[in-house]
């Protein structure tokens, strides 16, 4: 009889420990789910921001290209500069541009 009582006490203690572990596990699972949700939301936000920055960058590149082409035309430079291409001749200084405009 004494052995059965000790076994019951051990099993009750084990059951209480198991319940505590299950509760901690459930808490950790909830924390992981919340963290995952926050990361997915942040990722979505960052992807949208990246797309917007890419559009803005493309627009700015087009503006710079247009400005370069206009300045090249004003200075009488030959050809157009492609994105990433180095200019064939040195770009005129501000003073030389001003002298050309005056003449």
C-alpha atoms as a PDB file:
ATOM      1  CA  UNK A   1       0.000   0.000   0.000  1.00  0.00           C
ATOM      2  CA  UNK A   2       2.815   2.403   0.867  1.00  0.00           C
ATOM      3  CA  UNK A   3       4.482   1.781  -2.502  1.00  0.00           C
ATOM      4  CA  UNK A   4       1.242   2.630  -4.325  1.00  0.00           C
ATOM      5  CA  UNK A   5       0.858   5.873  -2.383  1.00  0.00           C
ATOM      6  CA  UNK A   6       4.435   6.875  -3.262  1.00  0.00           C
ATOM      7  CA  UNK A   7       3.855   6.039  -6.913  1.00  0.00           C
ATOM      8  CA  UNK A   8       0.624   8.091  -6.927  1.00  0.00           C
ATOM      9  CA  UNK A   9       2.475  11.024  -5.319  1.00  0.00           C
ATOM     10  CA  UNK A  10       5.265  10.746  -7.903  1.00  0.00           C
ATOM     11  CA  UNK A  11       2.750  10.627 -10.752  1.00  0.00           C
ATOM     12  CA  UNK A  12       0.871  13.655  -9.375  1.00  0.00           C
ATOM     13  CA  UNK A  13       4.144  15.569  -9.108  1.00  0.00           C
ATOM     14  CA  UNK A  14       5.056  14.542 -12.667  1.00  0.00           C
ATOM     15  CA  UNK A  15       1.596  15.586 -13.870  1.00  0.00           C
ATOM     16  CA  UNK A  16       2.009  19.034 -12.258  1.00  0.00           C
ATOM     17  CA  UNK A  17       5.455  19.422 -13.848  1.00  0.00           C
ATOM     18  CA  UNK A  18       4.070  18.348 -17.226  1.00  0.00           C
ATOM     19  CA  UNK A  19       1.254  20.893 -16.926  1.00  0.00           C
ATOM     20  CA  UNK A  20       3.798  23.622 -16.145  1.00  0.00           C
ATOM     21  CA  UNK A  21       5.940  22.612 -19.149  1.00  0.00           C
ATOM     22  CA  UNK A  22       2.853  22.599 -21.386  1.00  0.00           C
ATOM     23  CA  UNK A  23       1.885  26.063 -20.146  1.00  0.00           C
ATOM     24  CA  UNK A  24       5.400  27.392 -20.807  1.00  0.00           C
ATOM     25  CA  UNK A  25       5.397  25.765 -24.243  1.00  0.00           C
ATOM     26  CA  UNK A  26       2.042  27.357 -25.081  1.00  0.00           C
ATOM     27  CA  UNK A  27       3.397  30.755 -23.989  1.00  0.00           C
ATOM     28  CA  UNK A  28       6.492  30.320 -26.153  1.00  0.00           C
ATOM     29  CA  UNK A  29       4.402  29.233 -29.141  1.00  0.00           C
ATOM     30  CA  UNK A  30       2.235  32.341 -28.756  1.00  0.00           C
ATOM     31  CA  UNK A  31       5.335  34.555 -28.548  1.00  0.00           C
ATOM     32  CA  UNK A  32       6.765  32.939 -31.686  1.00  0.00           C
ATOM     33  CA  UNK A  33       3.490  33.415 -33.553  1.00  0.00           C
ATOM     34  CA  UNK A  34       3.357  37.090 -32.568  1.00  0.00           C
ATOM     35  CA  UNK A  35       6.994  37.547 -33.569  1.00  0.00           C
ATOM     36  CA  UNK A  36       6.355  35.838 -36.905  1.00  0.00           C
ATOM     37  CA  UNK A  37       3.334  38.048 -37.573  1.00  0.00           C
ATOM     38  CA  UNK A  38       5.367  41.171 -36.766  1.00  0.00           C
ATOM     39  CA  UNK A  39       8.210  40.039 -39.046  1.00  0.00           C
ATOM     40  CA  UNK A  40       5.850  39.302 -41.938  1.00  0.00           C
ATOM     41  CA  UNK A  41       4.218  42.703 -41.505  1.00  0.00           C
ATOM     42  CA  UNK A  42       7.598  44.434 -41.338  1.00  0.00           C
ATOM     43  CA  UNK A  43       8.795  42.522 -44.404  1.00  0.00           C
ATOM     44  CA  UNK A  44       5.704  43.548 -46.356  1.00  0.00           C
ATOM     45  CA  UNK A  45       6.220  47.174 -45.339  1.00  0.00           C
ATOM     46  CA  UNK A  46       9.916  47.077 -46.297  1.00  0.00           C
ATOM     47  CA  UNK A  47       9.158  45.493 -49.677  1.00  0.00           C
ATOM     48  CA  UNK A  48       6.616  48.218 -50.429  1.00  0.00           C
ATOM     49  CA  UNK A  49       9.126  50.880 -49.374  1.00  0.00           C
ATOM     50  CA  UNK A  50      11.803  49.279 -51.576  1.00  0.00           C
ATOM     51  CA  UNK A  51       9.465  49.294 -54.579  1.00  0.00           C
ATOM     52  CA  UNK A  52       8.734  52.979 -53.999  1.00  0.00           C
ATOM     53  CA  UNK A  53      12.456  53.767 -53.749  1.00  0.00           C
ATOM     54  CA  UNK A  54      13.121  51.854 -56.978  1.00  0.00           C
ATOM     55  CA  UNK A  55      10.447  53.890 -58.774  1.00  0.00           C
ATOM     56  CA  UNK A  56      11.858  57.121 -57.359  1.00  0.00           C
ATOM     57  CA  UNK A  57      15.393  56.126 -58.385  1.00  0.00           C
ATOM     58  CA  UNK A  58      14.295  55.280 -61.934  1.00  0.00           C
ATOM     59  CA  UNK A  59      12.526  58.647 -62.177  1.00  0.00           C
ATOM     60  CA  UNK A  60      15.637  60.479 -60.933  1.00  0.00           C
ATOM     61  CA  UNK A  61      17.860  58.604 -63.404  1.00  0.00           C
ATOM     62  CA  UNK A  62      15.535  59.657 -66.229  1.00  0.00           C
ATOM     63  CA  UNK A  63      15.684  63.276 -65.030  1.00  0.00           C
ATOM     64  CA  UNK A  64      19.483  63.216 -64.853  1.00  0.00           C
ATOM     65  CA  UNK A  65      19.647  61.675 -68.324  1.00  0.00           C
ATOM     66  CA  UNK A  66      17.323  64.357 -69.710  1.00  0.00           C
ATOM     67  CA  UNK A  67      19.320  67.108 -68.011  1.00  0.00           C
ATOM     68  CA  UNK A  68      22.569  65.675 -69.329  1.00  0.00           C
ATOM     69  CA  UNK A  69      21.176  65.432 -72.852  1.00  0.00           C
ATOM     70  CA  UNK A  70      19.943  69.044 -72.672  1.00  0.00           C
ATOM     71  CA  UNK A  71      23.302  70.311 -71.433  1.00  0.00           C
ATOM     72  CA  UNK A  72      25.114  68.257 -74.071  1.00  0.00           C
ATOM     73  CA  UNK A  73      22.878  69.759 -76.749  1.00  0.00           C
ATOM     74  CA  UNK A  74      23.541  73.280 -75.436  1.00  0.00           C
ATOM     75  CA  UNK A  75      27.281  72.676 -75.477  1.00  0.00           C
ATOM     76  CA  UNK A  76      27.143  71.013 -78.876  1.00  0.00           C
ATOM     77  CA  UNK A  77      28.536  67.707 -77.649  1.00  0.00           C
ATOM     78  CA  UNK A  78      28.245  64.722 -79.965  1.00  0.00           C
ATOM     79  CA  UNK A  79      26.192  61.672 -79.002  1.00  0.00           C
ATOM     80  CA  UNK A  80      24.318  60.804 -75.880  1.00  0.00           C
ATOM     81  CA  UNK A  81      25.631  59.363 -72.662  1.00  0.00           C
ATOM     82  CA  UNK A  82      24.153  56.036 -71.638  1.00  0.00           C
ATOM     83  CA  UNK A  83      23.622  55.265 -67.985  1.00  0.00           C
ATOM     84  CA  UNK A  84      26.908  54.069 -66.494  1.00  0.00           C
ATOM     85  CA  UNK A  85      28.965  55.255 -69.489  1.00  0.00           C
ATOM     86  CA  UNK A  86      31.861  57.652 -69.007  1.00  0.00           C
ATOM     87  CA  UNK A  87      31.832  60.886 -71.030  1.00  0.00           C
ATOM     88  CA  UNK A  88      34.081  60.841 -74.111  1.00  0.00           C
ATOM     89  CA  UNK A  89      35.361  64.383 -73.574  1.00  0.00           C
ATOM     90  CA  UNK A  90      35.760  66.335 -70.366  1.00  0.00           C
ATOM     91  CA  UNK A  91      32.698  68.302 -69.391  1.00  0.00           C
ATOM     92  CA  UNK A  92      33.177  72.034 -69.801  1.00  0.00           C
ATOM     93  CA  UNK A  93      33.601  74.177 -66.728  1.00  0.00           C
ATOM     94  CA  UNK A  94      30.938  76.628 -65.638  1.00  0.00           C
ATOM     95  CA  UNK A  95      33.106  79.527 -66.821  1.00  0.00           C
ATOM     96  CA  UNK A  96      33.455  78.108 -70.342  1.00  0.00           C
ATOM     97  CA  UNK A  97      29.714  77.472 -70.517  1.00  0.00           C
ATOM     98  CA  UNK A  98      29.090  81.079 -69.525  1.00  0.00           C
ATOM     99  CA  UNK A  99      31.550  82.326 -72.182  1.00  0.00           C
ATOM    100  CA  UNK A 100      29.767  80.254 -74.871  1.00  0.00           C
ATOM    101  CA  UNK A 101      26.407  81.685 -73.864  1.00  0.00           C
ATOM    102  CA  UNK A 102      27.699  85.273 -74.070  1.00  0.00           C
ATOM    103  CA  UNK A 103      29.171  84.837 -77.560  1.00  0.00           C
END
